[in-house]
Every structure is written in C-alpha cells, then in structure tokens.
C-alpha cells in the first residue's frame, strides 16, 4: 500500500513539473482568427491550415499552432471563427520581418484572403 501511495504521489509531482514556463520577456504572440467564406468547408479549412504549416519555417518564429473553435455557451467566448492561428516570435522585430516575408505575403494573397471573409488579428508582448 505504501508503495502504491508513493507511486501515485510521484506521478502527481512529476506532472506538476511539466507545466510550461512563461514566455521570455520581449516575446510577441500573434493571434489570428479566420472566418471562412464557406463556413465549415473541410477542404477550404485544410487549404488554410496547410498554408499556416508552410509559414512555420520563417525565421524568428519560436512556436506556431492552429486549430478550430471550441464551442461555448459562455457569453465572453467568441466561438464564431473557423480557424485560429497562434504564432510566437522572439521579439517585435521578428514579427515585423514576418509580416513582409515573401512566404507570408504569398500565403495571405493566394490562400488566406481568397478563402476567408474576415480576419481578426491580436498582437501582444510579454
């Protein structure tokens, strides 16, 4: 019994150690919400997320992730978007370089703008 308790406690404590640390000061998070012209269209959503995946190689990005809205009944939650993108940059200069990078502007022009009716961006720094 003591060994079982020790095993459970060890598992609990090791899970506490896996909590992600905060981002370093000066990093910039770029949050982008997309509303598709054809809401719920899986083929269009795949084209959008494929474009996001191709952005991953741009210098200055430290993390990139994307996904779909989690349905919610909470009045403070906007779950009306189709796809969200989160990109973390090492600093504001990296965000500025990303915005004008030809790979980014190509994906915006050729994929994102043609398939979306609305794009909302939020940038914040730590």
Protein backbone atom coordinates (compact mmCIF):
# COMPACT_ATOMS: atom_id res chain seq x y z
CA UNK A 1 0.00 0.00 0.00
CA UNK A 2 2.82 2.43 0.87
CA UNK A 3 4.47 1.76 -2.48
CA UNK A 4 1.18 2.45 -4.29
CA UNK A 5 0.79 5.78 -2.49
CA UNK A 6 4.42 6.65 -3.26
CA UNK A 7 3.88 5.78 -6.94
CA UNK A 8 0.72 7.94 -7.18
CA UNK A 9 2.42 10.83 -5.37
CA UNK A 10 5.48 10.57 -7.64
CA UNK A 11 3.24 10.67 -10.69
CA UNK A 12 1.38 13.72 -9.39
CA UNK A 13 4.57 15.59 -8.55
CA UNK A 14 6.16 14.79 -11.91
CA UNK A 15 3.08 16.12 -13.71
CA UNK A 16 3.44 19.40 -11.79
CA UNK A 17 6.99 19.73 -13.09
CA UNK A 18 5.75 19.56 -16.68
CA UNK A 19 3.86 22.87 -16.53
CA UNK A 20 5.06 25.09 -19.36
CA UNK A 21 7.16 28.04 -18.22
CA UNK A 22 6.08 31.56 -19.21
CA UNK A 23 7.41 33.00 -22.43
CA UNK A 24 10.57 35.08 -22.13
CA UNK A 25 10.12 38.84 -21.71
CA UNK A 26 10.03 40.59 -25.07
CA UNK A 27 8.40 37.76 -27.00
CA UNK A 28 5.39 38.65 -29.15
CA UNK A 29 2.31 36.50 -29.65
CA UNK A 30 0.41 36.94 -32.91
CA UNK A 31 -3.15 35.61 -32.67
CA UNK A 32 -5.19 35.49 -35.88
CA UNK A 33 -8.82 34.41 -36.22
CA UNK A 34 -10.22 33.42 -39.62
CA UNK A 35 -13.84 33.23 -40.73
CA UNK A 36 -14.18 31.16 -43.90
CA UNK A 37 -16.23 32.33 -46.88
CA UNK A 38 -17.72 28.82 -46.83
CA UNK A 39 -18.06 28.17 -43.07
CA UNK A 40 -17.37 24.57 -42.10
CA UNK A 41 -15.98 23.63 -45.52
CA UNK A 42 -13.35 21.00 -44.65
CA UNK A 43 -11.44 21.28 -47.96
CA UNK A 44 -11.07 25.05 -47.58
CA UNK A 45 -10.08 24.64 -43.91
CA UNK A 46 -7.37 22.15 -44.98
CA UNK A 47 -6.01 24.65 -47.53
CA UNK A 48 -5.91 27.32 -44.80
CA UNK A 49 -4.12 25.10 -42.28
CA UNK A 50 -1.71 23.84 -44.97
CA UNK A 51 -0.80 27.48 -45.66
CA UNK A 52 -0.23 28.02 -41.93
CA UNK A 53 2.00 24.96 -41.80
CA UNK A 54 4.17 26.40 -44.59
CA UNK A 55 4.77 29.55 -42.50
CA UNK A 56 6.49 27.53 -39.78
CA UNK A 57 9.93 27.89 -41.45
CA UNK A 58 10.07 31.68 -41.28
CA UNK A 59 12.97 32.89 -39.14
CA UNK A 60 12.10 34.45 -35.80
CA UNK A 61 9.14 32.14 -35.11
CA UNK A 62 9.61 30.23 -31.87
CA UNK A 63 6.21 28.48 -31.88
CA UNK A 64 3.30 28.09 -34.29
CA UNK A 65 -0.01 26.35 -33.72
CA UNK A 66 -3.51 26.47 -35.15
CA UNK A 67 -6.91 24.91 -34.63
CA UNK A 68 -10.66 25.32 -34.68
CA UNK A 69 -13.06 27.00 -32.27
CA UNK A 70 -14.16 25.19 -29.14
CA UNK A 71 -17.96 25.54 -28.92
CA UNK A 72 -19.02 27.53 -25.87
CA UNK A 73 -22.18 28.90 -24.28
CA UNK A 74 -20.20 31.41 -22.24
CA UNK A 75 -21.08 34.98 -23.27
CA UNK A 76 -17.44 36.14 -23.08
CA UNK A 77 -16.27 33.48 -25.57
CA UNK A 78 -16.34 34.21 -29.29
CA UNK A 79 -16.52 30.80 -30.95
CA UNK A 80 -17.78 32.11 -34.29
CA UNK A 81 -14.45 31.78 -36.12
CA UNK A 82 -13.47 28.76 -38.21
CA UNK A 83 -9.70 28.61 -37.71
CA UNK A 84 -7.30 30.34 -35.31
CA UNK A 85 -3.54 30.75 -35.66
CA UNK A 86 -1.09 31.45 -32.85
CA UNK A 87 2.48 32.41 -33.73
CA UNK A 88 5.07 33.32 -31.10
CA UNK A 89 8.01 35.46 -32.18
CA UNK A 90 11.27 36.03 -30.38
CA UNK A 91 10.62 39.79 -30.45
CA UNK A 92 8.70 42.59 -32.19
CA UNK A 93 11.37 42.88 -34.88
CA UNK A 94 10.76 39.23 -35.85
CA UNK A 95 7.01 39.93 -36.14
CA UNK A 96 7.72 42.91 -38.40
CA UNK A 97 10.01 40.77 -40.59
CA UNK A 98 7.35 38.03 -40.77
CA UNK A 99 4.70 40.49 -41.95
CA UNK A 100 6.77 41.38 -45.01
CA UNK A 101 8.38 37.99 -45.62
CA UNK A 102 7.55 36.89 -49.20
CA UNK A 103 6.44 33.45 -47.98
CA UNK A 104 3.92 35.05 -45.64
CA UNK A 105 2.62 37.57 -48.17
CA UNK A 106 2.26 34.78 -50.77
CA UNK A 107 0.13 32.61 -48.46
CA UNK A 108 -2.01 35.60 -47.47
CA UNK A 109 -2.58 36.66 -51.09
CA UNK A 110 -3.01 33.22 -52.68
CA UNK A 111 -4.76 31.20 -49.94
CA UNK A 112 -5.93 33.11 -46.88
CA UNK A 113 -7.65 36.12 -48.45
CA UNK A 114 -9.45 34.14 -51.19
CA UNK A 115 -10.86 31.64 -48.67
CA UNK A 116 -11.80 33.95 -45.79
CA UNK A 117 -14.43 36.65 -45.37
CA UNK A 118 -12.94 38.09 -42.17
CA UNK A 119 -9.57 38.06 -40.45
CA UNK A 120 -9.01 39.49 -36.97
CA UNK A 121 -5.50 39.93 -35.53
CA UNK A 122 -4.34 40.42 -31.92
CA UNK A 123 -0.67 41.03 -31.12
CA UNK A 124 0.67 41.21 -27.58
CA UNK A 125 4.03 41.17 -25.87
CA UNK A 126 5.25 39.83 -22.57
